[in-house]
Structure formats: C-alpha cells, structure tokens
C-alpha cells in the first residue's frame, strides 16, 4: 500500500484492496482514511524510509557475510557451543 501511495496511486478503492491480513476486515474504514490524506511530501518521506530500509538490509547482508568469514575457522567449536542448553 505504501509503495502504491509513493508511486502516486490515489484511488482509495485500489489502495484499500492492497490491504492484507486483519486489515481486510476494516476495508470501509480504510477507504475513508485513504481519501485525500497523502500528499507529495508524504510520498517523498515514504520513499526516503524505503531507501533507508534497503540500505540497512544491504548493511546487514554485508555484516553477516563478514561475520561468516571471520567465524569460519571456528565453525566446529560454534556448532558444539550451540548444543549447550540455556
């Protein structure tokens, strides 16, 4: 829904149909909430948040790769440590 809003979709019916899960039970209220409340500066902010999330995902992947490389020589010891309860 946020992607659609950021890309310029303003039709409340179309946006409400993108709802998932428990939000689908509240479609009429959602349609009302989506009418005329999302401005261009909101789209800009959502785009910035998504870009930041993408950056964080890339950073996590990079750090995970680095940790895997550093811990590779100790893999056997780590596997044995994982068997200790608690």
C-alpha atoms as a PDB file:
ATOM      1  CA  UNK A   1       0.000   0.000   0.000  1.00  0.00           C
ATOM      2  CA  UNK A   2       2.801   2.406   0.883  1.00  0.00           C
ATOM      3  CA  UNK A   3       4.617   1.590  -2.358  1.00  0.00           C
ATOM      4  CA  UNK A   4       1.470   2.330  -4.321  1.00  0.00           C
ATOM      5  CA  UNK A   5       0.968   5.610  -2.460  1.00  0.00           C
ATOM      6  CA  UNK A   6       4.580   6.644  -3.025  1.00  0.00           C
ATOM      7  CA  UNK A   7       4.217   5.869  -6.730  1.00  0.00           C
ATOM      8  CA  UNK A   8       1.233   8.205  -6.985  1.00  0.00           C
ATOM      9  CA  UNK A   9      -1.793   5.942  -6.638  1.00  0.00           C
ATOM     10  CA  UNK A  10      -4.551   7.991  -5.026  1.00  0.00           C
ATOM     11  CA  UNK A  11      -7.653   5.875  -5.612  1.00  0.00           C
ATOM     12  CA  UNK A  12      -8.843   4.792  -2.155  1.00  0.00           C
ATOM     13  CA  UNK A  13     -10.591   1.700  -3.563  1.00  0.00           C
ATOM     14  CA  UNK A  14      -7.428   0.479  -5.286  1.00  0.00           C
ATOM     15  CA  UNK A  15      -5.300   1.195  -2.228  1.00  0.00           C
ATOM     16  CA  UNK A  16      -7.715  -0.485   0.189  1.00  0.00           C
ATOM     17  CA  UNK A  17      -7.734  -3.616  -1.984  1.00  0.00           C
ATOM     18  CA  UNK A  18      -3.993  -3.922  -1.314  1.00  0.00           C
ATOM     19  CA  UNK A  19      -4.676  -4.493   2.404  1.00  0.00           C
ATOM     20  CA  UNK A  20      -3.609  -7.822   3.883  1.00  0.00           C
ATOM     21  CA  UNK A  21      -4.495  -9.912   6.903  1.00  0.00           C
ATOM     22  CA  UNK A  22      -6.659  -8.456   9.640  1.00  0.00           C
ATOM     23  CA  UNK A  23      -6.734  -5.067   7.929  1.00  0.00           C
ATOM     24  CA  UNK A  24      -9.039  -6.525   5.272  1.00  0.00           C
ATOM     25  CA  UNK A  25     -11.804  -6.728   7.896  1.00  0.00           C
ATOM     26  CA  UNK A  26     -11.735  -2.920   8.107  1.00  0.00           C
ATOM     27  CA  UNK A  27     -11.867  -2.047   4.400  1.00  0.00           C
ATOM     28  CA  UNK A  28     -14.629   0.563   4.672  1.00  0.00           C
ATOM     29  CA  UNK A  29     -12.769   2.487   7.392  1.00  0.00           C
ATOM     30  CA  UNK A  30      -9.541   2.091   5.431  1.00  0.00           C
ATOM     31  CA  UNK A  31     -11.131   3.529   2.286  1.00  0.00           C
ATOM     32  CA  UNK A  32     -12.291   6.562   4.279  1.00  0.00           C
ATOM     33  CA  UNK A  33      -8.853   7.037   5.804  1.00  0.00           C
ATOM     34  CA  UNK A  34      -7.159   6.892   2.408  1.00  0.00           C
ATOM     35  CA  UNK A  35      -9.199   9.699   0.842  1.00  0.00           C
ATOM     36  CA  UNK A  36      -7.181  12.877   0.361  1.00  0.00           C
ATOM     37  CA  UNK A  37      -4.722  12.440   3.205  1.00  0.00           C
ATOM     38  CA  UNK A  38      -1.496  11.511   1.403  1.00  0.00           C
ATOM     39  CA  UNK A  39       0.386  14.475  -0.050  1.00  0.00           C
ATOM     40  CA  UNK A  40       3.527  14.632  -2.221  1.00  0.00           C
ATOM     41  CA  UNK A  41       5.727  15.318   0.790  1.00  0.00           C
ATOM     42  CA  UNK A  42       4.381  12.132   2.389  1.00  0.00           C
ATOM     43  CA  UNK A  43       5.357  10.225  -0.760  1.00  0.00           C
ATOM     44  CA  UNK A  44       8.843  11.726  -0.548  1.00  0.00           C
ATOM     45  CA  UNK A  45       9.190  10.695   3.098  1.00  0.00           C
ATOM     46  CA  UNK A  46       7.971   7.143   2.429  1.00  0.00           C
ATOM     47  CA  UNK A  47      10.448   6.866  -0.449  1.00  0.00           C
ATOM     48  CA  UNK A  48      13.238   8.017   1.874  1.00  0.00           C
ATOM     49  CA  UNK A  49      12.248   5.472   4.526  1.00  0.00           C
ATOM     50  CA  UNK A  50      12.210   2.665   1.942  1.00  0.00           C
ATOM     51  CA  UNK A  51      15.644   3.740   0.694  1.00  0.00           C
ATOM     52  CA  UNK A  52      16.948   3.671   4.257  1.00  0.00           C
ATOM     53  CA  UNK A  53      15.469   0.195   4.810  1.00  0.00           C
ATOM     54  CA  UNK A  54      17.174  -1.004   1.628  1.00  0.00           C
ATOM     55  CA  UNK A  55      20.470   0.417   2.915  1.00  0.00           C
ATOM     56  CA  UNK A  56      20.006  -1.330   6.255  1.00  0.00           C
ATOM     57  CA  UNK A  57      19.216  -4.644   4.523  1.00  0.00           C
ATOM     58  CA  UNK A  58      22.403  -4.299   2.462  1.00  0.00           C
ATOM     59  CA  UNK A  59      24.408  -3.478   5.590  1.00  0.00           C
ATOM     60  CA  UNK A  60      23.030  -6.499   7.426  1.00  0.00           C
ATOM     61  CA  UNK A  61      23.887  -8.747   4.485  1.00  0.00           C
ATOM     62  CA  UNK A  62      27.400  -7.308   4.325  1.00  0.00           C
ATOM     63  CA  UNK A  63      27.955  -7.709   8.064  1.00  0.00           C
ATOM     64  CA  UNK A  64      26.566 -11.239   8.009  1.00  0.00           C
ATOM     65  CA  UNK A  65      28.991 -12.152   5.239  1.00  0.00           C
ATOM     66  CA  UNK A  66      31.886 -10.630   7.173  1.00  0.00           C
ATOM     67  CA  UNK A  67      30.903 -12.468  10.371  1.00  0.00           C
ATOM     68  CA  UNK A  68      30.594 -15.757   8.486  1.00  0.00           C
ATOM     69  CA  UNK A  69      34.070 -15.271   7.037  1.00  0.00           C
ATOM     70  CA  UNK A  70      35.620 -14.411  10.402  1.00  0.00           C
ATOM     71  CA  UNK A  71      33.858 -17.251  12.229  1.00  0.00           C
ATOM     72  CA  UNK A  72      34.511 -19.909   9.559  1.00  0.00           C
ATOM     73  CA  UNK A  73      37.706 -21.228  11.230  1.00  0.00           C
ATOM     74  CA  UNK A  74      35.753 -21.717  14.477  1.00  0.00           C
ATOM     75  CA  UNK A  75      32.710 -23.366  12.912  1.00  0.00           C
ATOM     76  CA  UNK A  76      33.253 -26.698  14.683  1.00  0.00           C
ATOM     77  CA  UNK A  77      33.532 -25.026  18.100  1.00  0.00           C
ATOM     78  CA  UNK A  78      30.446 -22.889  17.411  1.00  0.00           C
ATOM     79  CA  UNK A  79      28.456 -25.956  16.424  1.00  0.00           C
ATOM     80  CA  UNK A  80      29.398 -27.640  19.676  1.00  0.00           C
ATOM     81  CA  UNK A  81      28.537 -24.497  21.675  1.00  0.00           C
ATOM     82  CA  UNK A  82      25.076 -24.499  20.098  1.00  0.00           C
ATOM     83  CA  UNK A  83      24.405 -27.909  21.666  1.00  0.00           C
ATOM     84  CA  UNK A  84      24.725 -26.492  25.200  1.00  0.00           C
ATOM     85  CA  UNK A  85      21.223 -25.840  26.611  1.00  0.00           C
ATOM     86  CA  UNK A  86      20.305 -22.457  28.001  1.00  0.00           C
END
